[in-house]
């Protein structure tokens, strides 16, 4: 499942955006190195500014790569609908709000924290990455863009 893969990639050290994007690499038609580079600055709520959640940004990247770019209104509508679902499930689309809802100080800038057991235990990010990728996975299955249980 793509959502499980996204969570695993995050827990292996990728940022939230990279984990979501890379989980879908087999259907994107873009090499892994390019996907990692493309999604890197979206982590931490856009370069650790704690703005839009990186997992949500990753979902938008996948949608942009998969949908017909000649129909901007359709791409916006489909992506917006998914992001509203992500917001409902996760509680927000804003990194700072998501972290602070778990009493984590949402530090802006600086270096990413070391990925330790306590890092993963205290943050909601693994669940957020999973939930976001699952919403995207279900959408792509319903649109017959991917086949269920392909991984």
N, C-alpha and C. Protein backbone atom coordinates (compact mmCIF):
# COMPACT_ATOMS: atom_id res chain seq x y z
N UNK A 1 0.83 -1.18 0.00
CA UNK A 1 0.00 0.00 0.00
C UNK A 1 0.88 1.25 0.00
N UNK A 2 0.45 2.24 -0.72
CA UNK A 2 1.21 3.48 -0.86
C UNK A 2 1.32 4.24 0.46
N UNK A 3 0.23 4.28 1.22
CA UNK A 3 0.24 5.00 2.50
C UNK A 3 1.25 4.39 3.47
N UNK A 4 1.29 3.08 3.53
CA UNK A 4 2.27 2.40 4.40
C UNK A 4 3.68 2.72 3.94
N UNK A 5 3.87 2.73 2.64
CA UNK A 5 5.19 3.03 2.09
C UNK A 5 5.60 4.46 2.44
N UNK A 6 4.67 5.41 2.34
CA UNK A 6 4.97 6.80 2.69
C UNK A 6 5.38 6.91 4.16
N UNK A 7 4.65 6.27 5.03
CA UNK A 7 4.98 6.31 6.46
C UNK A 7 6.36 5.71 6.71
N UNK A 8 6.64 4.60 6.06
CA UNK A 8 7.94 3.95 6.22
C UNK A 8 9.07 4.84 5.73
N UNK A 9 8.87 5.48 4.58
CA UNK A 9 9.89 6.38 4.04
C UNK A 9 10.15 7.55 4.99
N UNK A 10 9.08 8.09 5.58
CA UNK A 10 9.24 9.17 6.54
C UNK A 10 10.04 8.67 7.75
N UNK A 11 9.70 7.50 8.22
CA UNK A 11 10.37 6.95 9.40
C UNK A 11 11.79 6.47 9.11
N UNK A 12 12.15 6.43 7.83
CA UNK A 12 13.52 6.12 7.43
C UNK A 12 14.35 7.39 7.25
N UNK A 13 13.72 8.56 7.42
CA UNK A 13 14.48 9.80 7.39
C UNK A 13 14.12 10.81 6.31
N UNK A 14 13.24 10.45 5.37
CA UNK A 14 12.83 11.45 4.39
C UNK A 14 11.93 12.48 5.07
N UNK A 15 11.86 13.69 4.51
CA UNK A 15 10.93 14.64 5.10
C UNK A 15 9.51 14.27 4.67
N UNK A 16 8.53 14.95 5.25
CA UNK A 16 7.12 14.60 5.03
C UNK A 16 6.72 14.68 3.56
N UNK A 17 7.15 15.71 2.88
CA UNK A 17 6.81 15.87 1.47
C UNK A 17 7.48 14.80 0.62
N UNK A 18 8.76 14.58 0.85
CA UNK A 18 9.50 13.56 0.10
C UNK A 18 8.86 12.19 0.28
N UNK A 19 8.44 11.88 1.50
CA UNK A 19 7.87 10.57 1.78
C UNK A 19 6.59 10.35 0.98
N UNK A 20 5.72 11.35 0.93
CA UNK A 20 4.48 11.21 0.18
C UNK A 20 4.78 11.10 -1.32
N UNK A 21 5.61 11.98 -1.83
CA UNK A 21 5.90 11.97 -3.27
C UNK A 21 6.58 10.66 -3.67
N UNK A 22 7.59 10.27 -2.93
CA UNK A 22 8.35 9.08 -3.31
C UNK A 22 7.53 7.79 -3.19
N UNK A 23 6.56 7.78 -2.31
CA UNK A 23 5.70 6.60 -2.17
C UNK A 23 4.99 6.27 -3.48
N UNK A 24 4.74 7.29 -4.30
CA UNK A 24 4.01 7.11 -5.56
C UNK A 24 4.92 7.11 -6.78
N UNK A 25 6.22 6.94 -6.58
CA UNK A 25 7.18 7.07 -7.68
C UNK A 25 6.90 6.13 -8.84
N UNK A 26 6.35 4.97 -8.58
CA UNK A 26 6.13 4.01 -9.66
C UNK A 26 5.05 4.45 -10.65
N UNK A 27 4.21 5.41 -10.28
CA UNK A 27 3.18 5.88 -11.20
C UNK A 27 3.46 7.30 -11.72
N UNK A 28 4.54 7.92 -11.29
CA UNK A 28 4.80 9.31 -11.65
C UNK A 28 5.61 9.51 -12.92
N UNK A 29 6.38 8.52 -13.32
CA UNK A 29 7.18 8.66 -14.54
C UNK A 29 8.33 9.63 -14.40
N UNK A 30 8.80 9.82 -13.17
CA UNK A 30 9.93 10.71 -12.89
C UNK A 30 10.91 9.92 -12.04
N UNK A 31 12.20 10.11 -12.30
CA UNK A 31 13.20 9.34 -11.55
C UNK A 31 13.23 9.76 -10.08
N UNK A 32 13.66 8.82 -9.26
CA UNK A 32 13.68 9.01 -7.81
C UNK A 32 14.49 10.22 -7.38
N UNK A 33 15.66 10.40 -7.96
CA UNK A 33 16.53 11.52 -7.58
C UNK A 33 15.83 12.86 -7.83
N UNK A 34 15.17 12.99 -8.95
CA UNK A 34 14.45 14.23 -9.26
C UNK A 34 13.28 14.45 -8.32
N UNK A 35 12.55 13.38 -8.00
CA UNK A 35 11.43 13.51 -7.06
C UNK A 35 11.92 13.96 -5.68
N UNK A 36 13.03 13.40 -5.23
CA UNK A 36 13.58 13.78 -3.93
C UNK A 36 14.00 15.25 -3.92
N UNK A 37 14.63 15.68 -5.00
CA UNK A 37 15.07 17.08 -5.09
C UNK A 37 13.88 18.03 -5.18
N UNK A 38 12.90 17.67 -5.98
CA UNK A 38 11.71 18.50 -6.17
C UNK A 38 10.95 18.71 -4.87
N UNK A 39 10.83 17.68 -4.07
CA UNK A 39 10.00 17.74 -2.86
C UNK A 39 10.77 18.15 -1.60
N UNK A 40 12.09 18.17 -1.65
CA UNK A 40 12.89 18.50 -0.47
C UNK A 40 12.51 19.83 0.18
N UNK A 41 12.44 20.94 -0.55
CA UNK A 41 12.18 22.22 0.12
C UNK A 41 10.77 22.38 0.66
N UNK A 42 9.89 21.41 0.38
CA UNK A 42 8.51 21.50 0.85
C UNK A 42 8.34 20.96 2.27
N UNK A 43 9.35 20.29 2.78
CA UNK A 43 9.27 19.72 4.12
C UNK A 43 9.29 20.78 5.21
N UNK A 44 8.79 20.41 6.38
CA UNK A 44 8.79 21.33 7.51
C UNK A 44 7.85 22.51 7.31
N UNK A 45 6.82 22.30 6.53
CA UNK A 45 5.89 23.39 6.28
C UNK A 45 6.48 24.44 5.37
N UNK A 46 7.14 24.03 4.33
CA UNK A 46 7.81 24.85 3.33
C UNK A 46 9.11 25.41 3.91
N UNK A 47 10.15 24.63 3.77
CA UNK A 47 11.51 25.01 4.20
C UNK A 47 11.56 25.37 5.69
N UNK A 48 10.83 24.60 6.50
CA UNK A 48 10.79 24.79 7.96
C UNK A 48 10.23 26.16 8.36
N UNK A 49 9.37 26.73 7.52
CA UNK A 49 8.65 27.95 7.90
C UNK A 49 7.37 27.62 8.66
N UNK A 50 7.04 26.32 8.72
CA UNK A 50 5.86 25.83 9.44
C UNK A 50 4.56 26.34 8.83
N UNK A 51 4.56 26.47 7.51
CA UNK A 51 3.37 26.91 6.79
C UNK A 51 2.59 25.68 6.34
N UNK A 52 2.32 25.51 5.06
CA UNK A 52 1.55 24.36 4.59
C UNK A 52 2.29 23.07 4.88
N UNK A 53 1.60 22.14 5.48
CA UNK A 53 2.16 20.82 5.83
C UNK A 53 2.85 20.21 4.61
N UNK A 54 4.05 19.69 4.83
CA UNK A 54 4.81 19.09 3.74
C UNK A 54 4.12 17.89 3.12
N UNK A 55 3.41 17.11 3.92
CA UNK A 55 2.69 15.96 3.37
C UNK A 55 1.61 16.44 2.41
N UNK A 56 0.91 17.52 2.78
CA UNK A 56 -0.12 18.09 1.91
C UNK A 56 0.52 18.64 0.63
N UNK A 57 1.67 19.29 0.77
CA UNK A 57 2.38 19.79 -0.41
C UNK A 57 2.81 18.64 -1.30
N UNK A 58 3.24 17.55 -0.71
CA UNK A 58 3.61 16.36 -1.48
C UNK A 58 2.43 15.81 -2.26
N UNK A 59 1.26 15.80 -1.64
CA UNK A 59 0.04 15.37 -2.33
C UNK A 59 -0.18 16.25 -3.56
N UNK A 60 -0.01 17.56 -3.40
CA UNK A 60 -0.21 18.48 -4.52
C UNK A 60 0.78 18.22 -5.65
N UNK A 61 2.02 17.90 -5.30
CA UNK A 61 3.03 17.58 -6.32
C UNK A 61 2.60 16.34 -7.11
N UNK A 62 2.17 15.31 -6.41
CA UNK A 62 1.74 14.09 -7.08
C UNK A 62 0.56 14.39 -8.01
N UNK A 63 -0.40 15.16 -7.54
CA UNK A 63 -1.55 15.51 -8.37
C UNK A 63 -1.10 16.27 -9.62
N UNK A 64 -0.18 17.21 -9.44
CA UNK A 64 0.32 17.98 -10.58
C UNK A 64 1.01 17.12 -11.61
N UNK A 65 1.70 16.10 -11.15
CA UNK A 65 2.41 15.21 -12.07
C UNK A 65 1.47 14.22 -12.76
N UNK A 66 0.36 13.88 -12.12
CA UNK A 66 -0.52 12.86 -12.66
C UNK A 66 -1.70 13.38 -13.48
N UNK A 67 -2.18 14.55 -13.15
CA UNK A 67 -3.38 15.04 -13.83
C UNK A 67 -3.02 15.85 -15.08
N UNK A 68 -3.99 16.00 -15.96
CA UNK A 68 -3.82 16.72 -17.23
C UNK A 68 -3.60 18.21 -16.96
N UNK A 69 -2.38 18.66 -17.18
CA UNK A 69 -2.03 20.03 -16.85
C UNK A 69 -2.67 21.06 -17.78
N UNK A 70 -3.29 20.63 -18.85
CA UNK A 70 -3.94 21.59 -19.74
C UNK A 70 -5.29 22.05 -19.18
N UNK A 71 -5.77 21.38 -18.15
CA UNK A 71 -7.05 21.74 -17.53
C UNK A 71 -6.79 22.21 -16.11
N UNK A 72 -6.33 23.45 -15.99
CA UNK A 72 -5.94 24.01 -14.70
C UNK A 72 -7.09 23.97 -13.69
N UNK A 73 -8.29 24.31 -14.13
CA UNK A 73 -9.43 24.34 -13.21
C UNK A 73 -9.69 22.96 -12.62
N UNK A 74 -9.59 21.92 -13.45
CA UNK A 74 -9.80 20.55 -12.97
C UNK A 74 -8.72 20.15 -11.96
N UNK A 75 -7.48 20.45 -12.27
CA UNK A 75 -6.38 20.11 -11.36
C UNK A 75 -6.57 20.83 -10.03
N UNK A 76 -6.90 22.11 -10.08
CA UNK A 76 -7.14 22.86 -8.84
C UNK A 76 -8.28 22.25 -8.04
N UNK A 77 -9.39 21.97 -8.71
CA UNK A 77 -10.56 21.45 -8.01
C UNK A 77 -10.29 20.08 -7.37
N UNK A 78 -9.70 19.19 -8.12
CA UNK A 78 -9.43 17.85 -7.60
C UNK A 78 -8.43 17.92 -6.43
N UNK A 79 -7.39 18.71 -6.59
CA UNK A 79 -6.38 18.85 -5.54
C UNK A 79 -6.99 19.52 -4.31
N UNK A 80 -7.75 20.57 -4.52
CA UNK A 80 -8.40 21.28 -3.41
C UNK A 80 -9.31 20.33 -2.64
N UNK A 81 -10.10 19.53 -3.33
CA UNK A 81 -11.00 18.60 -2.65
C UNK A 81 -10.23 17.61 -1.79
N UNK A 82 -9.13 17.11 -2.31
CA UNK A 82 -8.31 16.19 -1.52
C UNK A 82 -7.70 16.89 -0.32
N UNK A 83 -7.21 18.12 -0.51
CA UNK A 83 -6.60 18.85 0.59
C UNK A 83 -7.62 19.18 1.67
N UNK A 84 -8.85 19.46 1.29
CA UNK A 84 -9.90 19.70 2.29
C UNK A 84 -10.19 18.42 3.09
N UNK A 85 -10.11 17.29 2.43
CA UNK A 85 -10.27 16.00 3.13
C UNK A 85 -9.09 15.76 4.07
N UNK A 86 -7.88 16.07 3.61
CA UNK A 86 -6.69 15.95 4.46
C UNK A 86 -6.84 16.85 5.69
N UNK A 87 -7.30 18.07 5.47
CA UNK A 87 -7.49 19.00 6.59
C UNK A 87 -8.49 18.44 7.60
N UNK A 88 -9.57 17.88 7.11
CA UNK A 88 -10.59 17.30 7.99
C UNK A 88 -10.03 16.14 8.81
N UNK A 89 -9.30 15.27 8.17
CA UNK A 89 -8.76 14.08 8.84
C UNK A 89 -7.62 14.43 9.80
N UNK A 90 -6.70 15.29 9.35
CA UNK A 90 -5.52 15.60 10.17
C UNK A 90 -5.75 16.76 11.14
N UNK A 91 -6.75 17.58 10.90
CA UNK A 91 -7.05 18.67 11.80
C UNK A 91 -6.57 20.03 11.32
N UNK A 92 -5.71 20.07 10.34
CA UNK A 92 -5.19 21.32 9.78
C UNK A 92 -4.35 21.00 8.56
N UNK A 93 -4.09 22.03 7.77
CA UNK A 93 -3.12 21.93 6.67
C UNK A 93 -1.86 22.72 7.01
N UNK A 94 -1.81 23.28 8.21
CA UNK A 94 -0.70 24.13 8.61
C UNK A 94 0.22 23.36 9.56
N UNK A 95 1.47 23.24 9.17
CA UNK A 95 2.47 22.50 9.94
C UNK A 95 2.52 22.97 11.40
N UNK A 96 2.60 24.27 11.61
CA UNK A 96 2.69 24.83 12.96
C UNK A 96 1.51 24.38 13.82
N UNK A 97 0.31 24.46 13.28
CA UNK A 97 -0.88 24.06 14.03
C UNK A 97 -0.87 22.56 14.34
N UNK A 98 -0.43 21.77 13.38
CA UNK A 98 -0.38 20.32 13.59
C UNK A 98 0.60 19.96 14.70
N UNK A 99 1.76 20.60 14.71
CA UNK A 99 2.75 20.32 15.74
C UNK A 99 2.29 20.85 17.10
N UNK A 100 1.80 22.06 17.12
CA UNK A 100 1.41 22.66 18.40
C UNK A 100 0.19 21.97 19.01
N UNK A 101 -0.62 21.29 18.18
CA UNK A 101 -1.75 20.54 18.72
C UNK A 101 -1.26 19.36 19.57
N UNK A 102 -0.01 19.00 19.39
CA UNK A 102 0.61 17.93 20.19
C UNK A 102 1.62 18.51 21.18
N UNK A 103 1.49 19.81 21.46
CA UNK A 103 2.36 20.51 22.41
C UNK A 103 3.83 20.48 22.02
N UNK A 104 4.08 20.53 20.73
CA UNK A 104 5.45 20.60 20.21
C UNK A 104 5.70 22.03 19.78
N UNK A 105 6.78 22.61 20.23
CA UNK A 105 7.13 23.95 19.81
C UNK A 105 7.52 23.89 18.33
N UNK A 106 6.78 24.61 17.51
CA UNK A 106 6.99 24.58 16.06
C UNK A 106 8.04 25.62 15.69
N UNK A 107 9.27 25.27 15.92
CA UNK A 107 10.40 26.15 15.64
C UNK A 107 10.50 26.46 14.15
N UNK A 108 10.69 27.73 13.85
CA UNK A 108 10.85 28.15 12.45
C UNK A 108 12.33 28.20 12.12
N UNK A 109 12.68 27.67 10.96
CA UNK A 109 14.07 27.70 10.51
C UNK A 109 14.94 26.72 11.26
N UNK A 110 16.22 26.93 11.16
CA UNK A 110 17.17 26.05 11.83
C UNK A 110 17.30 24.72 11.13
N UNK A 111 18.11 23.89 11.73
CA UNK A 111 18.34 22.57 11.17
C UNK A 111 17.25 21.60 11.62
N UNK A 112 16.89 20.66 10.76
CA UNK A 112 15.93 19.63 11.16
C UNK A 112 16.44 18.86 12.38
N UNK A 113 15.51 18.46 13.22
CA UNK A 113 15.88 17.70 14.41
C UNK A 113 16.41 16.32 14.02
N UNK A 114 17.24 15.78 14.91
CA UNK A 114 17.75 14.42 14.71
C UNK A 114 16.57 13.46 14.77
N UNK A 115 16.58 12.49 13.90
CA UNK A 115 15.51 11.50 13.84
C UNK A 115 15.81 10.40 14.85
N UNK A 116 15.30 10.57 16.04
CA UNK A 116 15.48 9.60 17.12
C UNK A 116 14.15 8.94 17.42
N UNK A 117 14.18 7.94 18.28
CA UNK A 117 12.95 7.28 18.70
C UNK A 117 11.99 8.28 19.33
N UNK A 118 12.50 9.17 20.18
CA UNK A 118 11.62 10.15 20.83
C UNK A 118 11.06 11.15 19.82
N UNK A 119 11.82 11.46 18.77
CA UNK A 119 11.32 12.34 17.71
C UNK A 119 10.04 11.74 17.12
N UNK A 120 10.10 10.47 16.75
CA UNK A 120 8.95 9.81 16.14
C UNK A 120 7.83 9.59 17.14
N UNK A 121 8.17 9.29 18.39
CA UNK A 121 7.15 9.04 19.41
C UNK A 121 6.34 10.28 19.75
N UNK A 122 6.97 11.45 19.69
CA UNK A 122 6.32 12.68 20.13
C UNK A 122 5.62 13.46 19.03
N UNK A 123 5.94 13.20 17.80
CA UNK A 123 5.38 13.99 16.69
C UNK A 123 4.21 13.27 16.02
N UNK A 124 3.28 14.06 15.50
CA UNK A 124 2.16 13.47 14.77
C UNK A 124 2.48 13.18 13.30
N UNK A 125 3.70 13.48 12.89
CA UNK A 125 4.03 13.49 11.46
C UNK A 125 3.87 12.13 10.76
N UNK A 126 4.24 11.03 11.41
CA UNK A 126 4.09 9.72 10.77
C UNK A 126 2.63 9.44 10.43
N UNK A 127 1.75 9.77 11.37
CA UNK A 127 0.32 9.55 11.15
C UNK A 127 -0.20 10.50 10.07
N UNK A 128 0.26 11.74 10.09
CA UNK A 128 -0.16 12.73 9.09
C UNK A 128 0.28 12.30 7.70
N UNK A 129 1.52 11.84 7.57
CA UNK A 129 2.03 11.35 6.28
C UNK A 129 1.18 10.16 5.82
N UNK A 130 0.92 9.24 6.73
CA UNK A 130 0.10 8.07 6.39
C UNK A 130 -1.30 8.50 5.93
N UNK A 131 -1.96 9.33 6.74
CA UNK A 131 -3.33 9.75 6.41
C UNK A 131 -3.39 10.47 5.07
N UNK A 132 -2.44 11.35 4.83
CA UNK A 132 -2.42 12.11 3.59
C UNK A 132 -2.20 11.19 2.39
N UNK A 133 -1.24 10.30 2.50
CA UNK A 133 -0.98 9.36 1.41
C UNK A 133 -2.16 8.41 1.20
N UNK A 134 -2.85 8.04 2.26
CA UNK A 134 -4.01 7.15 2.15
C UNK A 134 -5.15 7.83 1.39
N UNK A 135 -5.39 9.10 1.70
CA UNK A 135 -6.42 9.86 0.97
C UNK A 135 -6.06 9.93 -0.51
N UNK A 136 -4.81 10.20 -0.81
CA UNK A 136 -4.35 10.25 -2.20
C UNK A 136 -4.44 8.87 -2.85
N UNK A 137 -4.01 7.86 -2.14
CA UNK A 137 -4.07 6.49 -2.65
C UNK A 137 -5.51 6.11 -3.01
N UNK A 138 -6.45 6.37 -2.11
CA UNK A 138 -7.86 6.04 -2.37
C UNK A 138 -8.39 6.79 -3.59
N UNK A 139 -8.03 8.05 -3.71
CA UNK A 139 -8.45 8.84 -4.87
C UNK A 139 -7.91 8.22 -6.16
N UNK A 140 -6.64 7.89 -6.16
CA UNK A 140 -6.01 7.34 -7.37
C UNK A 140 -6.56 5.96 -7.73
N UNK A 141 -6.94 5.19 -6.73
CA UNK A 141 -7.59 3.90 -6.99
C UNK A 141 -8.97 4.14 -7.59
N UNK A 142 -9.73 5.06 -6.99
CA UNK A 142 -11.08 5.37 -7.50
C UNK A 142 -11.06 5.91 -8.92
N UNK A 143 -10.00 6.61 -9.29
CA UNK A 143 -9.86 7.15 -10.64
C UNK A 143 -9.17 6.16 -11.59
N UNK A 144 -8.88 4.96 -11.09
CA UNK A 144 -8.21 3.90 -11.86
C UNK A 144 -6.84 4.33 -12.37
N UNK A 145 -6.17 5.21 -11.63
CA UNK A 145 -4.82 5.63 -11.97
C UNK A 145 -3.82 4.64 -11.40
N UNK A 146 -4.16 4.06 -10.26
CA UNK A 146 -3.38 2.97 -9.68
C UNK A 146 -4.30 1.81 -9.37
N UNK A 147 -3.71 0.65 -9.21
CA UNK A 147 -4.46 -0.55 -8.89
C UNK A 147 -4.25 -0.83 -7.40
N UNK A 148 -5.31 -1.16 -6.72
CA UNK A 148 -5.24 -1.44 -5.29
C UNK A 148 -4.24 -2.56 -5.01
N UNK A 149 -3.49 -2.38 -3.92
CA UNK A 149 -2.49 -3.36 -3.48
C UNK A 149 -1.43 -3.65 -4.52
N UNK A 150 -1.06 -2.63 -5.30
CA UNK A 150 -0.05 -2.79 -6.34
C UNK A 150 1.33 -3.06 -5.75
N UNK A 151 1.61 -2.45 -4.60
CA UNK A 151 2.95 -2.61 -4.00
C UNK A 151 3.10 -3.96 -3.36
